[in-house]
């Protein structure tokens, strides 16, 4: 059985399936991605076939994730698998909705806070580094600080300034 030949919608040239560089966009950022697709030999028109678009879109989202230092969908699944959990169990473990885990694994990008949560709960080395960093920050913040007396104002003065009510000068009845 002979395969149907496709004609380019722009120039009528022959379209063949081959590897080419395609443009993908995610959250306003453009990326060049090498992928198999349909390319016109005459005018170089190119397209990703419809059924392959979801996989292409996941690749684009994963490139965006890497550029932001976020876990890719292919990195989230192994965390869940290593814990021997279903998507629903993993969602309960993270204290998020089931739909969130499904979205992240199918290519939608998680927020930075959720990425941090996944790493803290699934990567012991990452959690230890984060604990050491937090401990250092908390200890630094807990060190006593010296405050000059001139920086301390009586509470009633602060309240008056904050309320927007003008203060009366002593011995004066008008502001």
C-alpha atoms as a PDB file:
ATOM      1  CA  UNK A   1       0.000   0.000   0.000  1.00  0.00           C
ATOM      2  CA  UNK A   2       1.396   3.357  -1.036  1.00  0.00           C
ATOM      3  CA  UNK A   3       1.572   6.235   1.462  1.00  0.00           C
ATOM      4  CA  UNK A   4      -0.308   9.391   0.483  1.00  0.00           C
ATOM      5  CA  UNK A   5       1.933  12.321  -0.374  1.00  0.00           C
ATOM      6  CA  UNK A   6       1.104  15.609   1.248  1.00  0.00           C
ATOM      7  CA  UNK A   7       1.198  18.940  -0.529  1.00  0.00           C
ATOM      8  CA  UNK A   8       2.322  22.161   1.105  1.00  0.00           C
ATOM      9  CA  UNK A   9      -0.603  24.489   1.850  1.00  0.00           C
ATOM     10  CA  UNK A  10       1.585  27.492   0.942  1.00  0.00           C
ATOM     11  CA  UNK A  11       3.376  26.520  -2.274  1.00  0.00           C
ATOM     12  CA  UNK A  12       2.034  23.093  -3.277  1.00  0.00           C
ATOM     13  CA  UNK A  13       5.465  21.473  -2.879  1.00  0.00           C
ATOM     14  CA  UNK A  14       5.964  17.982  -1.473  1.00  0.00           C
ATOM     15  CA  UNK A  15       5.882  17.660   2.299  1.00  0.00           C
ATOM     16  CA  UNK A  16       7.924  14.951   3.979  1.00  0.00           C
ATOM     17  CA  UNK A  17       8.369  13.797   7.530  1.00  0.00           C
ATOM     18  CA  UNK A  18      11.810  14.696   8.867  1.00  0.00           C
ATOM     19  CA  UNK A  19      13.699  16.203  11.779  1.00  0.00           C
ATOM     20  CA  UNK A  20      13.749  19.975  11.789  1.00  0.00           C
ATOM     21  CA  UNK A  21      13.946  22.899  14.176  1.00  0.00           C
ATOM     22  CA  UNK A  22      10.505  24.051  15.281  1.00  0.00           C
ATOM     23  CA  UNK A  23       9.528  27.127  17.227  1.00  0.00           C
ATOM     24  CA  UNK A  24       7.684  26.692  20.521  1.00  0.00           C
ATOM     25  CA  UNK A  25       6.436  29.343  22.913  1.00  0.00           C
ATOM     26  CA  UNK A  26       5.641  29.160  26.609  1.00  0.00           C
ATOM     27  CA  UNK A  27       4.555  32.085  28.788  1.00  0.00           C
ATOM     28  CA  UNK A  28       5.753  34.557  26.185  1.00  0.00           C
ATOM     29  CA  UNK A  29       9.194  32.992  25.760  1.00  0.00           C
ATOM     30  CA  UNK A  30      10.184  31.403  22.463  1.00  0.00           C
ATOM     31  CA  UNK A  31      12.286  28.278  22.134  1.00  0.00           C
ATOM     32  CA  UNK A  32      13.819  26.471  19.153  1.00  0.00           C
ATOM     33  CA  UNK A  33      13.314  22.713  19.458  1.00  0.00           C
ATOM     34  CA  UNK A  34      14.555  19.956  17.229  1.00  0.00           C
ATOM     35  CA  UNK A  35      11.746  17.487  16.545  1.00  0.00           C
ATOM     36  CA  UNK A  36      10.263  15.257  13.856  1.00  0.00           C
ATOM     37  CA  UNK A  37       7.594  16.971  11.841  1.00  0.00           C
ATOM     38  CA  UNK A  38       6.299  17.764   8.393  1.00  0.00           C
ATOM     39  CA  UNK A  39       8.495  19.985   6.219  1.00  0.00           C
ATOM     40  CA  UNK A  40       8.030  21.270   2.678  1.00  0.00           C
ATOM     41  CA  UNK A  41      11.086  20.640   0.501  1.00  0.00           C
ATOM     42  CA  UNK A  42      10.307  23.686  -1.637  1.00  0.00           C
ATOM     43  CA  UNK A  43       9.456  26.548   0.794  1.00  0.00           C
ATOM     44  CA  UNK A  44      10.520  25.007   4.141  1.00  0.00           C
ATOM     45  CA  UNK A  45       7.007  25.386   5.631  1.00  0.00           C
ATOM     46  CA  UNK A  46       6.949  23.171   8.715  1.00  0.00           C
ATOM     47  CA  UNK A  47       4.359  21.831  11.122  1.00  0.00           C
ATOM     48  CA  UNK A  48       4.027  19.373  13.960  1.00  0.00           C
ATOM     49  CA  UNK A  49       1.211  16.887  13.219  1.00  0.00           C
ATOM     50  CA  UNK A  50      -1.826  17.388  15.483  1.00  0.00           C
ATOM     51  CA  UNK A  51      -1.596  14.103  17.410  1.00  0.00           C
ATOM     52  CA  UNK A  52       2.050  14.899  18.275  1.00  0.00           C
ATOM     53  CA  UNK A  53       1.372  18.422  19.594  1.00  0.00           C
ATOM     54  CA  UNK A  54       0.757  17.393  23.245  1.00  0.00           C
ATOM     55  CA  UNK A  55       4.196  15.726  23.444  1.00  0.00           C
ATOM     56  CA  UNK A  56       5.795  18.729  21.704  1.00  0.00           C
ATOM     57  CA  UNK A  57       4.094  21.100  24.173  1.00  0.00           C
ATOM     58  CA  UNK A  58       5.444  19.072  27.119  1.00  0.00           C
ATOM     59  CA  UNK A  59       8.947  19.416  25.641  1.00  0.00           C
ATOM     60  CA  UNK A  60       8.489  23.186  25.363  1.00  0.00           C
ATOM     61  CA  UNK A  61       7.209  23.417  28.959  1.00  0.00           C
ATOM     62  CA  UNK A  62      10.118  21.287  30.194  1.00  0.00           C
ATOM     63  CA  UNK A  63      12.647  23.566  28.486  1.00  0.00           C
ATOM     64  CA  UNK A  64      10.950  26.507  30.208  1.00  0.00           C
ATOM     65  CA  UNK A  65      11.123  24.636  33.539  1.00  0.00           C
ATOM     66  CA  UNK A  66      14.838  23.921  33.111  1.00  0.00           C
ATOM     67  CA  UNK A  67      15.500  27.575  32.326  1.00  0.00           C
ATOM     68  CA  UNK A  68      13.813  28.461  35.634  1.00  0.00           C
ATOM     69  CA  UNK A  69      15.474  25.695  37.684  1.00  0.00           C
ATOM     70  CA  UNK A  70      12.162  23.856  38.145  1.00  0.00           C
ATOM     71  CA  UNK A  71      11.631  20.108  38.085  1.00  0.00           C
ATOM     72  CA  UNK A  72      10.463  18.776  34.723  1.00  0.00           C
ATOM     73  CA  UNK A  73       7.517  16.425  34.356  1.00  0.00           C
ATOM     74  CA  UNK A  74      10.049  13.650  33.720  1.00  0.00           C
ATOM     75  CA  UNK A  75      11.749  14.448  37.058  1.00  0.00           C
ATOM     76  CA  UNK A  76       8.550  14.600  39.106  1.00  0.00           C
ATOM     77  CA  UNK A  77       7.317  11.126  38.065  1.00  0.00           C
ATOM     78  CA  UNK A  78      10.458   9.322  39.361  1.00  0.00           C
ATOM     79  CA  UNK A  79      10.082  11.007  42.778  1.00  0.00           C
ATOM     80  CA  UNK A  80       6.551   9.645  43.007  1.00  0.00           C
ATOM     81  CA  UNK A  81       7.587   6.229  41.677  1.00  0.00           C
ATOM     82  CA  UNK A  82      10.480   5.984  44.167  1.00  0.00           C
ATOM     83  CA  UNK A  83       7.956   6.458  46.960  1.00  0.00           C
ATOM     84  CA  UNK A  84       5.738   3.754  45.443  1.00  0.00           C
ATOM     85  CA  UNK A  85       2.758   6.094  45.336  1.00  0.00           C
ATOM     86  CA  UNK A  86      -0.092   6.598  42.920  1.00  0.00           C
ATOM     87  CA  UNK A  87      -0.793  10.151  41.760  1.00  0.00           C
ATOM     88  CA  UNK A  88      -3.576  10.378  44.330  1.00  0.00           C
ATOM     89  CA  UNK A  89      -1.355   9.161  47.176  1.00  0.00           C
ATOM     90  CA  UNK A  90       1.412  11.529  46.104  1.00  0.00           C
ATOM     91  CA  UNK A  91      -1.071  14.416  46.098  1.00  0.00           C
ATOM     92  CA  UNK A  92      -2.122  13.590  49.669  1.00  0.00           C
ATOM     93  CA  UNK A  93       1.558  13.297  50.686  1.00  0.00           C
ATOM     94  CA  UNK A  94       2.215  16.786  49.288  1.00  0.00           C
ATOM     95  CA  UNK A  95      -1.120  18.107  50.611  1.00  0.00           C
ATOM     96  CA  UNK A  96      -2.241  19.263  47.170  1.00  0.00           C
ATOM     97  CA  UNK A  97      -5.131  18.259  44.956  1.00  0.00           C
ATOM     98  CA  UNK A  98      -4.954  15.172  42.742  1.00  0.00           C
ATOM     99  CA  UNK A  99      -5.391  17.371  39.671  1.00  0.00           C
ATOM    100  CA  UNK A 100      -2.207  19.298  40.497  1.00  0.00           C
ATOM    101  CA  UNK A 101      -0.027  16.183  40.342  1.00  0.00           C
ATOM    102  CA  UNK A 102      -1.718  15.060  37.116  1.00  0.00           C
ATOM    103  CA  UNK A 103      -1.135  18.492  35.553  1.00  0.00           C
ATOM    104  CA  UNK A 104       2.531  18.628  36.601  1.00  0.00           C
ATOM    105  CA  UNK A 105       3.218  15.155  35.217  1.00  0.00           C
ATOM    106  CA  UNK A 106       1.441  15.910  31.951  1.00  0.00           C
ATOM    107  CA  UNK A 107       3.475  19.039  31.263  1.00  0.00           C
ATOM    108  CA  UNK A 108       1.837  21.968  33.019  1.00  0.00           C
ATOM    109  CA  UNK A 109       4.369  23.996  34.956  1.00  0.00           C
ATOM    110  CA  UNK A 110       4.198  24.045  38.742  1.00  0.00           C
ATOM    111  CA  UNK A 111       4.713  27.236  40.718  1.00  0.00           C
ATOM    112  CA  UNK A 112       8.109  27.769  42.342  1.00  0.00           C
ATOM    113  CA  UNK A 113       6.643  27.170  45.828  1.00  0.00           C
ATOM    114  CA  UNK A 114       5.211  23.802  44.746  1.00  0.00           C
ATOM    115  CA  UNK A 115       8.523  22.865  43.160  1.00  0.00           C
ATOM    116  CA  UNK A 116      10.231  23.627  46.485  1.00  0.00           C
ATOM    117  CA  UNK A 117       7.640  21.518  48.344  1.00  0.00           C
ATOM    118  CA  UNK A 118       8.205  18.536  46.035  1.00  0.00           C
ATOM    119  CA  UNK A 119      11.977  18.766  46.496  1.00  0.00           C
ATOM    120  CA  UNK A 120      11.747  19.163  50.289  1.00  0.00           C
ATOM    121  CA  UNK A 121       9.458  16.165  50.699  1.00  0.00           C
ATOM    122  CA  UNK A 122      11.077  13.877  48.123  1.00  0.00           C
ATOM    123  CA  UNK A 123      14.810  14.638  48.058  1.00  0.00           C
ATOM    124  CA  UNK A 124      16.497  14.109  51.462  1.00  0.00           C
ATOM    125  CA  UNK A 125      19.751  15.781  50.364  1.00  0.00           C
ATOM    126  CA  UNK A 126      17.878  18.853  49.172  1.00  0.00           C
ATOM    127  CA  UNK A 127      15.883  18.928  52.413  1.00  0.00           C
ATOM    128  CA  UNK A 128      19.075  18.771  54.496  1.00  0.00           C
ATOM    129  CA  UNK A 129      20.684  21.635  52.559  1.00  0.00           C
ATOM    130  CA  UNK A 130      17.498  23.688  52.932  1.00  0.00           C
ATOM    131  CA  UNK A 131      17.370  22.935  56.674  1.00  0.00           C
ATOM    132  CA  UNK A 132      20.982  24.082  57.129  1.00  0.00           C
ATOM    133  CA  UNK A 133      20.288  27.274  55.176  1.00  0.00           C
ATOM    134  CA  UNK A 134      17.124  27.978  57.182  1.00  0.00           C
ATOM    135  CA  UNK A 135      18.921  27.275  60.454  1.00  0.00           C
ATOM    136  CA  UNK A 136      21.686  29.727  59.537  1.00  0.00           C
ATOM    137  CA  UNK A 137      19.152  32.417  58.571  1.00  0.00           C
ATOM    138  CA  UNK A 138      17.105  31.940  61.748  1.00  0.00           C
ATOM    139  CA  UNK A 139      20.198  32.058  63.958  1.00  0.00           C
ATOM    140  CA  UNK A 140      21.346  35.234  62.236  1.00  0.00           C
ATOM    141  CA  UNK A 141      17.928  36.837  62.688  1.00  0.00           C
ATOM    142  CA  UNK A 142      17.849  35.839  66.378  1.00  0.00           C
ATOM    143  CA  UNK A 143      21.073  37.679  67.223  1.00  0.00           C
ATOM    144  CA  UNK A 144      20.375  40.642  69.490  1.00  0.00           C
ATOM    145  CA  UNK A 145      20.568  43.986  67.752  1.00  0.00           C
ATOM    146  CA  UNK A 146      21.532  47.258  69.354  1.00  0.00           C
ATOM    147  CA  UNK A 147      18.946  49.998  68.971  1.00  0.00           C
ATOM    148  CA  UNK A 148      19.878  53.574  69.702  1.00  0.00           C
ATOM    149  CA  UNK A 149      17.623  55.383  72.135  1.00  0.00           C
ATOM    150  CA  UNK A 150      16.915  58.051  69.507  1.00  0.00           C
ATOM    151  CA  UNK A 151      15.315  55.368  67.305  1.00  0.00           C
ATOM    152  CA  UNK A 152      12.791  54.445  69.985  1.00  0.00           C
ATOM    153  CA  UNK A 153       9.726  56.668  70.096  1.00  0.00           C
ATOM    154  CA  UNK A 154       6.985  56.421  72.679  1.00  0.00           C
ATOM    155  CA  UNK A 155       4.076  54.266  71.528  1.00  0.00           C
ATOM    156  CA  UNK A 156       1.535  57.090  71.641  1.00  0.00           C
ATOM    157  CA  UNK A 157       3.677  59.135  69.199  1.00  0.00           C
ATOM    158  CA  UNK A 158       3.838  56.219  66.756  1.00  0.00           C
ATOM    159  CA  UNK A 159       0.079  55.684  67.018  1.00  0.00           C
ATOM    160  CA  UNK A 160      -0.660  59.362  66.342  1.00  0.00           C
ATOM    161  CA  UNK A 161       1.610  59.405  63.293  1.00  0.00           C
ATOM    162  CA  UNK A 162       0.114  56.190  61.989  1.00  0.00           C
ATOM    163  CA  UNK A 163      -3.457  57.430  62.455  1.00  0.00           C
ATOM    164  CA  UNK A 164      -2.895  60.577  60.414  1.00  0.00           C
ATOM    165  CA  UNK A 165      -4.122  62.771  63.289  1.00  0.00           C
ATOM    166  CA  UNK A 166      -1.938  65.896  63.642  1.00  0.00           C
ATOM    167  CA  UNK A 167      -0.144  66.299  66.955  1.00  0.00           C
ATOM    168  CA  UNK A 168      -0.676  69.394  69.039  1.00  0.00           C
ATOM    169  CA  UNK A 169       2.347  71.268  70.239  1.00  0.00           C
ATOM    170  CA  UNK A 170       2.543  71.458  73.973  1.00  0.00           C
ATOM    171  CA  UNK A 171       0.672  74.521  75.291  1.00  0.00           C
ATOM    172  CA  UNK A 172      -1.211  74.908  71.989  1.00  0.00           C
ATOM    173  CA  UNK A 173      -4.820  74.096  71.257  1.00  0.00           C
ATOM    174  CA  UNK A 174      -4.518  74.252  67.461  1.00  0.00           C
ATOM    175  CA  UNK A 175      -2.360  72.020  65.288  1.00  0.00           C
END
